[in-house]
N, C-alpha and C. Protein backbone atom coordinates (compact mmCIF):
# COMPACT_ATOMS: atom_id res chain seq x y z
N MET A 1 271.27 62.92 146.60
CA MET A 1 271.62 63.68 145.74
C MET A 1 270.77 62.94 144.40
N PRO A 2 269.74 63.75 143.77
CA PRO A 2 269.25 62.94 142.66
C PRO A 2 270.03 62.95 141.69
N ARG A 3 269.91 61.84 141.03
CA ARG A 3 270.96 61.57 139.86
C ARG A 3 270.27 62.42 138.56
N GLU A 4 271.21 62.75 137.70
CA GLU A 4 270.66 63.63 136.70
C GLU A 4 270.21 62.71 135.32
N VAL A 5 269.15 62.69 135.09
CA VAL A 5 268.53 61.74 133.98
C VAL A 5 268.87 62.62 132.54
N GLU A 6 269.88 61.67 131.70
CA GLU A 6 270.02 62.44 130.39
C GLU A 6 268.93 61.90 129.48
N ARG A 7 268.49 63.27 129.02
CA ARG A 7 267.12 62.92 128.39
C ARG A 7 267.73 63.09 126.66
N THR A 8 267.22 62.15 125.85
CA THR A 8 267.57 62.11 124.37
C THR A 8 266.40 62.69 123.79
N ARG A 9 266.85 63.48 122.93
CA ARG A 9 265.76 64.30 122.29
C ARG A 9 265.18 63.42 121.06
N ARG A 10 264.13 63.19 120.92
CA ARG A 10 263.39 62.24 119.81
C ARG A 10 262.87 63.25 118.77
N LEU A 11 263.35 62.93 117.68
CA LEU A 11 262.97 63.80 116.42
C LEU A 11 261.72 63.16 115.86
N HIS A 12 260.85 63.72 115.45
CA HIS A 12 259.86 63.48 114.60
C HIS A 12 259.93 63.95 113.50
N ARG A 13 259.91 63.13 112.35
CA ARG A 13 259.93 63.61 111.09
C ARG A 13 258.62 63.96 110.46
N THR A 14 258.66 65.12 109.67
CA THR A 14 257.50 65.72 109.27
C THR A 14 256.89 64.81 108.20
N ASP A 15 255.48 64.66 108.38
CA ASP A 15 254.64 63.80 107.46
C ASP A 15 254.14 65.02 106.58
N TRP A 16 254.73 64.96 104.95
CA TRP A 16 254.56 65.95 104.22
C TRP A 16 253.20 65.75 103.56
N MET A 17 252.82 64.69 103.26
CA MET A 17 251.41 64.16 102.77
C MET A 17 250.22 64.70 103.56
N ALA A 18 250.39 64.29 105.05
CA ALA A 18 249.50 64.82 105.84
C ALA A 18 249.45 66.40 106.10
N LEU A 19 250.63 66.87 106.06
CA LEU A 19 250.89 68.30 106.11
C LEU A 19 250.04 69.25 105.11
N LEU A 20 250.42 68.77 103.83
CA LEU A 20 250.02 69.41 102.65
C LEU A 20 248.64 69.23 102.49
N SER A 21 248.19 68.01 102.70
CA SER A 21 246.72 67.70 102.61
C SER A 21 245.86 68.66 103.45
N GLY A 22 246.36 68.88 104.84
CA GLY A 22 245.66 69.41 105.80
C GLY A 22 245.68 70.99 105.09
N VAL A 23 246.58 71.52 104.73
CA VAL A 23 246.73 72.94 104.21
C VAL A 23 245.92 73.18 102.96
N LEU A 24 245.82 71.95 102.16
CA LEU A 24 245.03 72.27 101.06
C LEU A 24 243.51 72.13 101.61
N PHE A 25 243.12 71.15 102.43
CA PHE A 25 241.81 71.56 102.85
C PHE A 25 241.21 72.75 103.24
N VAL A 26 242.01 73.25 104.25
CA VAL A 26 241.83 74.46 104.88
C VAL A 26 241.83 75.61 104.00
N VAL A 27 242.43 75.59 102.89
CA VAL A 27 242.40 76.79 101.96
C VAL A 27 241.21 76.30 100.89
N LEU A 28 240.87 75.27 100.75
CA LEU A 28 239.75 74.95 99.93
C LEU A 28 238.42 75.33 100.67
N GLY A 29 238.35 75.18 101.97
CA GLY A 29 237.33 75.42 102.90
C GLY A 29 237.18 76.84 102.78
N ILE A 30 238.24 77.85 102.90
CA ILE A 30 238.37 79.33 102.88
C ILE A 30 237.52 79.63 101.68
N LEU A 31 238.10 79.07 100.54
CA LEU A 31 237.66 79.50 99.28
C LEU A 31 236.25 79.02 98.94
N ILE A 32 235.98 78.01 99.53
CA ILE A 32 234.15 77.43 99.61
C ILE A 32 233.39 78.45 100.27
N VAL A 33 233.69 78.83 101.56
CA VAL A 33 233.34 80.05 102.54
C VAL A 33 233.06 81.11 101.92
N THR A 34 234.20 81.79 101.23
CA THR A 34 234.10 83.04 100.69
C THR A 34 233.44 82.97 99.28
N ARG A 35 233.04 82.12 98.96
CA ARG A 35 232.60 81.99 97.58
C ARG A 35 233.53 82.22 96.43
N ALA A 36 234.89 82.09 96.45
CA ALA A 36 235.77 82.41 95.48
C ALA A 36 235.76 81.34 94.34
N ILE A 37 235.44 80.03 94.84
CA ILE A 37 234.97 78.84 94.02
C ILE A 37 233.63 78.49 94.00
N THR A 38 232.89 78.62 92.89
CA THR A 38 231.33 78.16 92.80
C THR A 38 231.28 77.01 92.02
N ASP A 39 232.17 76.67 91.20
CA ASP A 39 231.95 75.64 90.18
C ASP A 39 232.59 74.30 90.76
N PRO A 40 231.51 73.34 91.07
CA PRO A 40 232.16 72.32 91.54
C PRO A 40 233.34 71.33 90.52
N LEU A 41 233.07 71.58 89.42
CA LEU A 41 234.20 70.88 88.69
C LEU A 41 235.57 71.40 88.96
N VAL A 42 235.56 72.64 89.14
CA VAL A 42 236.85 73.47 89.34
C VAL A 42 237.55 73.04 90.73
N LEU A 43 236.28 73.01 91.83
CA LEU A 43 236.73 72.50 93.17
C LEU A 43 237.29 70.84 92.94
N ILE A 44 236.83 69.93 92.71
CA ILE A 44 237.41 68.84 92.31
C ILE A 44 238.59 68.55 91.59
N GLY A 45 238.56 69.61 90.33
CA GLY A 45 240.06 69.58 89.80
C GLY A 45 241.02 70.25 90.81
N VAL A 46 240.82 71.30 91.47
CA VAL A 46 241.96 71.49 92.33
C VAL A 46 242.33 70.69 93.52
N LEU A 47 241.50 70.00 93.85
CA LEU A 47 241.41 69.00 94.98
C LEU A 47 242.28 67.71 94.44
N VAL A 48 242.16 67.47 93.55
CA VAL A 48 242.78 66.20 92.71
C VAL A 48 244.43 66.56 92.54
N LEU A 49 244.45 67.79 92.12
CA LEU A 49 245.98 68.51 91.72
C LEU A 49 246.43 68.53 92.89
N GLY A 50 245.92 69.27 93.85
CA GLY A 50 246.63 69.36 95.03
C GLY A 50 246.77 68.13 95.94
N LEU A 51 246.07 67.13 95.99
CA LEU A 51 246.45 65.80 96.52
C LEU A 51 247.53 65.13 95.64
N ALA A 52 247.66 65.24 94.21
CA ALA A 52 248.80 64.68 93.41
C ALA A 52 249.84 65.27 94.08
N PHE A 53 250.12 66.76 94.21
CA PHE A 53 251.15 67.42 94.38
C PHE A 53 251.84 67.16 96.05
N ALA A 54 250.69 66.94 96.75
CA ALA A 54 251.09 66.32 98.07
C ALA A 54 251.60 64.98 98.12
N GLY A 55 251.18 64.23 97.22
CA GLY A 55 251.74 62.96 96.98
C GLY A 55 253.16 62.92 96.50
N LEU A 56 253.27 63.58 95.51
CA LEU A 56 254.65 63.55 94.90
C LEU A 56 255.53 64.14 95.83
N VAL A 57 255.47 65.41 96.60
CA VAL A 57 256.42 65.66 97.81
C VAL A 57 256.53 64.95 98.76
N ALA A 58 255.39 64.12 99.13
CA ALA A 58 255.60 62.78 100.10
C ALA A 58 256.87 61.91 99.58
N ILE A 59 256.55 61.64 98.29
CA ILE A 59 257.41 60.57 97.60
C ILE A 59 258.75 60.98 97.47
N ILE A 60 258.88 62.17 97.31
CA ILE A 60 260.52 62.82 96.91
C ILE A 60 260.99 62.75 98.37
N ALA A 61 260.16 63.22 99.49
CA ALA A 61 260.75 63.23 100.90
C ALA A 61 261.07 61.91 101.42
N ARG A 62 260.67 60.94 100.74
CA ARG A 62 260.78 59.47 101.50
C ARG A 62 262.05 59.04 100.74
N VAL A 63 262.23 59.30 99.32
CA VAL A 63 263.52 58.99 98.83
C VAL A 63 264.71 59.65 98.93
N VAL A 64 264.48 61.20 99.43
CA VAL A 64 265.63 61.89 100.16
C VAL A 64 266.17 61.03 101.39
N ARG A 65 265.21 60.79 102.17
CA ARG A 65 265.52 60.39 103.44
C ARG A 65 266.07 58.98 103.55
N GLY A 66 265.77 58.18 102.15
CA GLY A 66 266.36 56.73 101.99
C GLY A 66 265.73 56.02 102.56
N LYS A 67 264.37 56.11 102.92
CA LYS A 67 263.52 55.03 103.55
C LYS A 67 262.88 54.11 102.76
């Protein structure tokens, strides 16, 4: 009779910086393709603010986890 192997479930913590940065680049890509944003300065500003927001969320998540 085969022994039942107890499998422990490994949890993968969410990498908020990577997740939010990916979403930001997808949204910016859609905005560029649909020509909703045509001014490069606006695009750079949105990119910088989006990455700053993603970094802030990542820092807060790390502090909350206590790491």
